[in-house]
């Protein structure tokens, strides 16, 4: 899957501690100036889908017997994030901190 498929969770796993649900977004899109706004909009839609997945407890379909204490959304970018993207993720993290949800990002040029 990928960032532009907001109907799907790209990958899902459990942290070794058994208390954190990890979900991954793979982002293969570029940050060209004329596409940056669209890219951020696509990313926002994907993140919103993941947040709904958490809020609606849809993860219970996959892990019915686990009471997660926290959630981590990992975004693997094929291209270096733009400055606006870094700001966007920072703002989202501040908003989600009280919900025990964190977004982490990684530049992975070998295959987001």
N, C-alpha and C. Protein backbone atom coordinates (compact mmCIF):
# COMPACT_ATOMS: atom_id res chain seq x y z
N UNK A 1 0.84 -1.17 0.00
CA UNK A 1 0.00 0.00 0.00
C UNK A 1 0.89 1.24 0.00
N UNK A 2 0.24 2.38 0.05
CA UNK A 2 1.02 3.60 0.08
C UNK A 2 0.17 4.76 0.59
N UNK A 3 0.81 5.89 0.74
CA UNK A 3 0.18 7.07 1.31
C UNK A 3 -1.08 7.48 0.56
N UNK A 4 -1.14 7.24 -0.73
CA UNK A 4 -2.30 7.67 -1.51
C UNK A 4 -3.45 6.67 -1.48
N UNK A 5 -3.36 5.65 -0.69
CA UNK A 5 -4.43 4.66 -0.50
C UNK A 5 -4.96 4.80 0.93
N UNK A 6 -5.80 5.80 1.16
CA UNK A 6 -6.24 6.09 2.52
C UNK A 6 -7.20 5.05 3.08
N UNK A 7 -7.66 4.12 2.27
CA UNK A 7 -8.57 3.09 2.74
C UNK A 7 -7.86 1.91 3.39
N UNK A 8 -6.54 1.94 3.41
CA UNK A 8 -5.76 0.79 3.88
C UNK A 8 -4.73 1.21 4.92
N UNK A 9 -4.47 0.30 5.85
CA UNK A 9 -3.34 0.43 6.77
C UNK A 9 -2.17 -0.24 6.06
N UNK A 10 -1.08 0.48 5.85
CA UNK A 10 0.04 -0.05 5.09
C UNK A 10 0.69 -1.23 5.81
N UNK A 11 0.89 -1.11 7.11
CA UNK A 11 1.47 -2.19 7.91
C UNK A 11 1.08 -1.96 9.36
N UNK A 12 0.97 -3.04 10.11
CA UNK A 12 0.57 -2.96 11.52
C UNK A 12 1.36 -4.00 12.31
N UNK A 13 1.76 -3.62 13.52
CA UNK A 13 2.53 -4.54 14.37
C UNK A 13 2.36 -4.12 15.82
N UNK A 14 2.92 -4.93 16.69
CA UNK A 14 2.91 -4.65 18.12
C UNK A 14 4.34 -4.44 18.58
N UNK A 15 4.57 -3.39 19.37
CA UNK A 15 5.88 -3.14 19.97
C UNK A 15 6.23 -4.32 20.87
N UNK A 16 7.50 -4.56 21.07
CA UNK A 16 7.96 -5.67 21.89
C UNK A 16 7.36 -5.67 23.30
N UNK A 17 7.04 -4.48 23.82
CA UNK A 17 6.47 -4.41 25.16
C UNK A 17 5.02 -4.90 25.21
N UNK A 18 4.41 -5.08 24.04
CA UNK A 18 3.04 -5.56 23.97
C UNK A 18 1.99 -4.53 24.30
N UNK A 19 2.40 -3.28 24.54
CA UNK A 19 1.48 -2.23 24.96
C UNK A 19 1.30 -1.14 23.92
N UNK A 20 2.09 -1.19 22.86
CA UNK A 20 2.06 -0.15 21.83
C UNK A 20 1.72 -0.76 20.48
N UNK A 21 0.70 -0.20 19.85
CA UNK A 21 0.35 -0.59 18.49
C UNK A 21 1.10 0.32 17.54
N UNK A 22 1.79 -0.29 16.57
CA UNK A 22 2.56 0.46 15.58
C UNK A 22 1.87 0.30 14.22
N UNK A 23 1.67 1.42 13.56
CA UNK A 23 1.13 1.39 12.20
C UNK A 23 2.08 2.18 11.31
N UNK A 24 2.31 1.68 10.10
CA UNK A 24 3.26 2.34 9.22
C UNK A 24 2.56 2.89 7.98
N UNK A 25 3.04 4.06 7.57
CA UNK A 25 2.64 4.67 6.31
C UNK A 25 3.87 4.72 5.43
N UNK A 26 3.74 4.25 4.20
CA UNK A 26 4.85 4.37 3.25
C UNK A 26 4.50 5.50 2.29
N UNK A 27 5.41 6.44 2.17
CA UNK A 27 5.17 7.64 1.36
C UNK A 27 6.22 7.72 0.26
N UNK A 28 5.78 7.50 -0.95
CA UNK A 28 6.67 7.48 -2.12
C UNK A 28 6.59 8.78 -2.93
N UNK A 29 5.80 9.73 -2.48
CA UNK A 29 5.56 10.94 -3.26
C UNK A 29 6.66 11.98 -3.04
N UNK A 30 6.90 12.79 -4.05
CA UNK A 30 7.91 13.83 -3.97
C UNK A 30 7.37 15.12 -3.36
N UNK A 31 8.27 16.08 -3.17
CA UNK A 31 7.93 17.35 -2.52
C UNK A 31 8.14 18.54 -3.45
N UNK A 32 7.97 18.35 -4.74
CA UNK A 32 8.14 19.45 -5.67
C UNK A 32 7.22 20.61 -5.24
N UNK A 33 7.68 21.83 -5.44
CA UNK A 33 6.95 23.02 -4.97
C UNK A 33 5.51 23.05 -5.44
N UNK A 34 5.25 22.69 -6.68
CA UNK A 34 3.89 22.75 -7.19
C UNK A 34 3.01 21.57 -6.74
N UNK A 35 3.60 20.60 -6.06
CA UNK A 35 2.86 19.42 -5.58
C UNK A 35 2.82 19.35 -4.05
N UNK A 36 3.55 20.19 -3.37
CA UNK A 36 3.67 20.10 -1.91
C UNK A 36 2.31 20.16 -1.21
N UNK A 37 1.47 21.10 -1.58
CA UNK A 37 0.16 21.22 -0.93
C UNK A 37 -0.66 19.95 -1.13
N UNK A 38 -0.68 19.43 -2.35
CA UNK A 38 -1.42 18.20 -2.62
C UNK A 38 -0.85 17.03 -1.83
N UNK A 39 0.47 16.96 -1.74
CA UNK A 39 1.12 15.88 -0.99
C UNK A 39 0.73 15.96 0.49
N UNK A 40 0.76 17.16 1.06
CA UNK A 40 0.36 17.32 2.45
C UNK A 40 -1.11 16.94 2.66
N UNK A 41 -1.96 17.27 1.70
CA UNK A 41 -3.37 16.92 1.79
C UNK A 41 -3.55 15.40 1.76
N UNK A 42 -2.84 14.73 0.88
CA UNK A 42 -2.88 13.26 0.80
C UNK A 42 -2.39 12.64 2.11
N UNK A 43 -1.30 13.17 2.64
CA UNK A 43 -0.75 12.67 3.90
C UNK A 43 -1.74 12.89 5.04
N UNK A 44 -2.37 14.05 5.07
CA UNK A 44 -3.36 14.34 6.11
C UNK A 44 -4.53 13.36 6.04
N UNK A 45 -4.99 13.05 4.84
CA UNK A 45 -6.10 12.09 4.69
C UNK A 45 -5.69 10.71 5.21
N UNK A 46 -4.47 10.31 4.92
CA UNK A 46 -3.99 9.00 5.38
C UNK A 46 -3.88 8.98 6.91
N UNK A 47 -3.30 10.03 7.48
CA UNK A 47 -3.18 10.10 8.94
C UNK A 47 -4.56 10.10 9.58
N UNK A 48 -5.49 10.86 9.02
CA UNK A 48 -6.86 10.89 9.56
C UNK A 48 -7.49 9.50 9.53
N UNK A 49 -7.23 8.73 8.48
CA UNK A 49 -7.76 7.37 8.41
C UNK A 49 -7.17 6.50 9.52
N UNK A 50 -5.89 6.68 9.79
CA UNK A 50 -5.25 5.92 10.87
C UNK A 50 -5.81 6.33 12.23
N UNK A 51 -6.03 7.62 12.41
CA UNK A 51 -6.59 8.09 13.67
C UNK A 51 -8.01 7.55 13.87
N UNK A 52 -8.78 7.50 12.80
CA UNK A 52 -10.11 6.91 12.89
C UNK A 52 -10.00 5.43 13.25
N UNK A 53 -9.05 4.73 12.66
CA UNK A 53 -8.81 3.32 12.96
C UNK A 53 -8.58 3.12 14.46
N UNK A 54 -7.83 4.05 15.05
CA UNK A 54 -7.55 3.99 16.49
C UNK A 54 -8.79 4.35 17.29
N UNK A 55 -9.39 5.49 16.98
CA UNK A 55 -10.54 5.98 17.74
C UNK A 55 -11.73 5.03 17.69
N UNK A 56 -11.94 4.40 16.55
CA UNK A 56 -13.06 3.46 16.39
C UNK A 56 -12.71 2.07 16.90
N UNK A 57 -11.48 1.93 17.39
CA UNK A 57 -11.00 0.64 17.91
C UNK A 57 -11.08 -0.48 16.87
N UNK A 58 -10.86 -0.11 15.63
CA UNK A 58 -10.86 -1.10 14.55
C UNK A 58 -9.73 -2.11 14.72
N UNK A 59 -8.69 -1.73 15.45
CA UNK A 59 -7.57 -2.64 15.70
C UNK A 59 -8.01 -3.88 16.46
N UNK A 60 -9.17 -3.81 17.13
CA UNK A 60 -9.68 -4.96 17.88
C UNK A 60 -10.00 -6.13 16.94
N UNK A 61 -10.24 -5.84 15.65
CA UNK A 61 -10.47 -6.91 14.70
C UNK A 61 -9.21 -7.73 14.47
N UNK A 62 -8.06 -7.08 14.61
CA UNK A 62 -6.77 -7.75 14.39
C UNK A 62 -6.22 -8.28 15.71
N UNK A 63 -6.34 -7.49 16.76
CA UNK A 63 -5.80 -7.84 18.08
C UNK A 63 -6.91 -7.73 19.13
N UNK A 64 -7.84 -8.66 19.16
CA UNK A 64 -9.01 -8.54 20.04
C UNK A 64 -8.71 -8.61 21.53
N UNK A 65 -7.61 -9.22 21.92
CA UNK A 65 -7.36 -9.44 23.34
C UNK A 65 -6.29 -8.52 23.93
N UNK A 66 -5.90 -7.49 23.20
CA UNK A 66 -4.83 -6.61 23.69
C UNK A 66 -5.40 -5.23 24.01
N UNK A 67 -5.08 -4.75 25.20
CA UNK A 67 -5.47 -3.39 25.61
C UNK A 67 -4.25 -2.49 25.44
N UNK A 68 -4.15 -1.84 24.30
CA UNK A 68 -2.99 -1.00 24.02
C UNK A 68 -3.02 0.26 24.88
N UNK A 69 -1.83 0.65 25.34
CA UNK A 69 -1.68 1.87 26.13
C UNK A 69 -1.27 3.06 25.27
N UNK A 70 -0.64 2.78 24.13
CA UNK A 70 -0.19 3.86 23.26
C UNK A 70 -0.17 3.38 21.81
N UNK A 71 -0.05 4.37 20.93
CA UNK A 71 -0.09 4.10 19.50
C UNK A 71 1.01 4.92 18.83
N UNK A 72 1.66 4.30 17.85
CA UNK A 72 2.71 5.00 17.10
C UNK A 72 2.45 4.83 15.61
N UNK A 73 2.42 5.95 14.91
CA UNK A 73 2.29 5.94 13.46
C UNK A 73 3.66 6.29 12.91
N UNK A 74 4.24 5.36 12.18
CA UNK A 74 5.56 5.58 11.58
C UNK A 74 5.37 5.89 10.11
N UNK A 75 5.95 6.99 9.68
CA UNK A 75 5.87 7.37 8.27
C UNK A 75 7.26 7.21 7.67
N UNK A 76 7.36 6.39 6.65
CA UNK A 76 8.63 6.18 5.94
C UNK A 76 8.56 6.93 4.62
N UNK A 77 9.36 7.97 4.52
CA UNK A 77 9.39 8.82 3.33
C UNK A 77 10.49 8.38 2.37
N UNK A 78 10.16 8.28 1.10
CA UNK A 78 11.15 7.97 0.08
C UNK A 78 12.01 9.20 -0.21
N UNK A 79 11.41 10.38 -0.05
CA UNK A 79 12.13 11.64 -0.29
C UNK A 79 12.17 12.45 1.00
N UNK A 80 13.23 13.21 1.18
CA UNK A 80 13.37 14.06 2.35
C UNK A 80 12.14 14.94 2.51
N UNK A 81 11.65 15.07 3.73
CA UNK A 81 10.46 15.88 4.00
C UNK A 81 10.74 17.35 3.74
N UNK A 82 9.71 18.03 3.30
CA UNK A 82 9.81 19.48 3.16
C UNK A 82 9.72 20.10 4.55
N UNK A 83 10.11 21.35 4.65
CA UNK A 83 10.02 22.06 5.93
C UNK A 83 8.57 22.13 6.39
N UNK A 84 7.64 22.36 5.46
CA UNK A 84 6.22 22.41 5.83
C UNK A 84 5.72 21.07 6.34
N UNK A 85 6.22 19.98 5.80
CA UNK A 85 5.83 18.66 6.28
C UNK A 85 6.32 18.45 7.71
N UNK A 86 7.55 18.84 7.98
CA UNK A 86 8.08 18.71 9.34
C UNK A 86 7.24 19.51 10.32
N UNK A 87 6.85 20.72 9.93
CA UNK A 87 6.00 21.56 10.79
C UNK A 87 4.64 20.90 10.99
N UNK A 88 4.08 20.36 9.91
CA UNK A 88 2.78 19.70 9.95
C UNK A 88 2.81 18.54 10.95
N UNK A 89 3.81 17.70 10.88
CA UNK A 89 3.91 16.56 11.79
C UNK A 89 4.12 17.03 13.23
N UNK A 90 4.89 18.08 13.42
CA UNK A 90 5.09 18.63 14.76
C UNK A 90 3.77 19.11 15.36
N UNK A 91 2.97 19.81 14.57
CA UNK A 91 1.68 20.31 15.05
C UNK A 91 0.76 19.14 15.41
N UNK A 92 0.72 18.14 14.54
CA UNK A 92 -0.13 16.97 14.82
C UNK A 92 0.32 16.28 16.11
N UNK A 93 1.62 16.13 16.29
CA UNK A 93 2.11 15.47 17.50
C UNK A 93 1.72 16.24 18.76
N UNK A 94 1.77 17.55 18.70
CA UNK A 94 1.35 18.34 19.87
C UNK A 94 -0.13 18.12 20.16
N UNK A 95 -0.94 18.03 19.12
CA UNK A 95 -2.37 17.82 19.30
C UNK A 95 -2.69 16.42 19.82
N UNK A 96 -1.89 15.44 19.45
CA UNK A 96 -2.16 14.05 19.81
C UNK A 96 -1.50 13.60 21.10
N UNK A 97 -0.64 14.42 21.67
CA UNK A 97 0.14 13.98 22.84
C UNK A 97 -0.74 13.52 23.99
N UNK A 98 -1.88 14.14 24.20
CA UNK A 98 -2.75 13.74 25.30
C UNK A 98 -3.51 12.45 25.01
N UNK A 99 -3.47 11.99 23.76
CA UNK A 99 -4.17 10.77 23.36
C UNK A 99 -3.24 9.55 23.34
N UNK A 100 -1.99 9.73 23.75
CA UNK A 100 -0.99 8.66 23.72
C UNK A 100 -0.76 8.14 22.30
N UNK A 101 -0.79 9.08 21.36
CA UNK A 101 -0.51 8.77 19.97
C UNK A 101 0.66 9.64 19.54
N UNK A 102 1.63 9.03 18.88
CA UNK A 102 2.78 9.79 18.38
C UNK A 102 3.02 9.41 16.92
N UNK A 103 3.47 10.40 16.16
CA UNK A 103 3.85 10.16 14.78
C UNK A 103 5.36 10.36 14.68
N UNK A 104 6.04 9.37 14.15
CA UNK A 104 7.48 9.48 13.92
C UNK A 104 7.71 9.32 12.42
N UNK A 105 8.74 9.97 11.95
CA UNK A 105 9.01 9.91 10.51
C UNK A 105 10.45 9.55 10.26
N UNK A 106 10.66 8.95 9.11
CA UNK A 106 11.99 8.49 8.73
C UNK A 106 12.17 8.67 7.23
N UNK A 107 13.31 9.18 6.86
CA UNK A 107 13.68 9.30 5.45
C UNK A 107 14.33 7.99 5.06
N UNK A 108 13.71 7.28 4.13
CA UNK A 108 14.18 5.95 3.73
C UNK A 108 14.37 5.91 2.20
N UNK A 109 15.48 6.43 1.70
CA UNK A 109 15.66 6.51 0.25
C UNK A 109 15.77 5.14 -0.45
N UNK A 110 15.90 4.09 0.34
CA UNK A 110 16.04 2.76 -0.26
C UNK A 110 14.72 2.03 -0.44
N UNK A 111 13.60 2.72 -0.13
CA UNK A 111 12.35 2.02 -0.41
C UNK A 111 11.19 2.29 0.47
N UNK A 112 10.72 3.48 0.55
CA UNK A 112 9.53 3.79 1.36
C UNK A 112 8.35 2.99 0.95
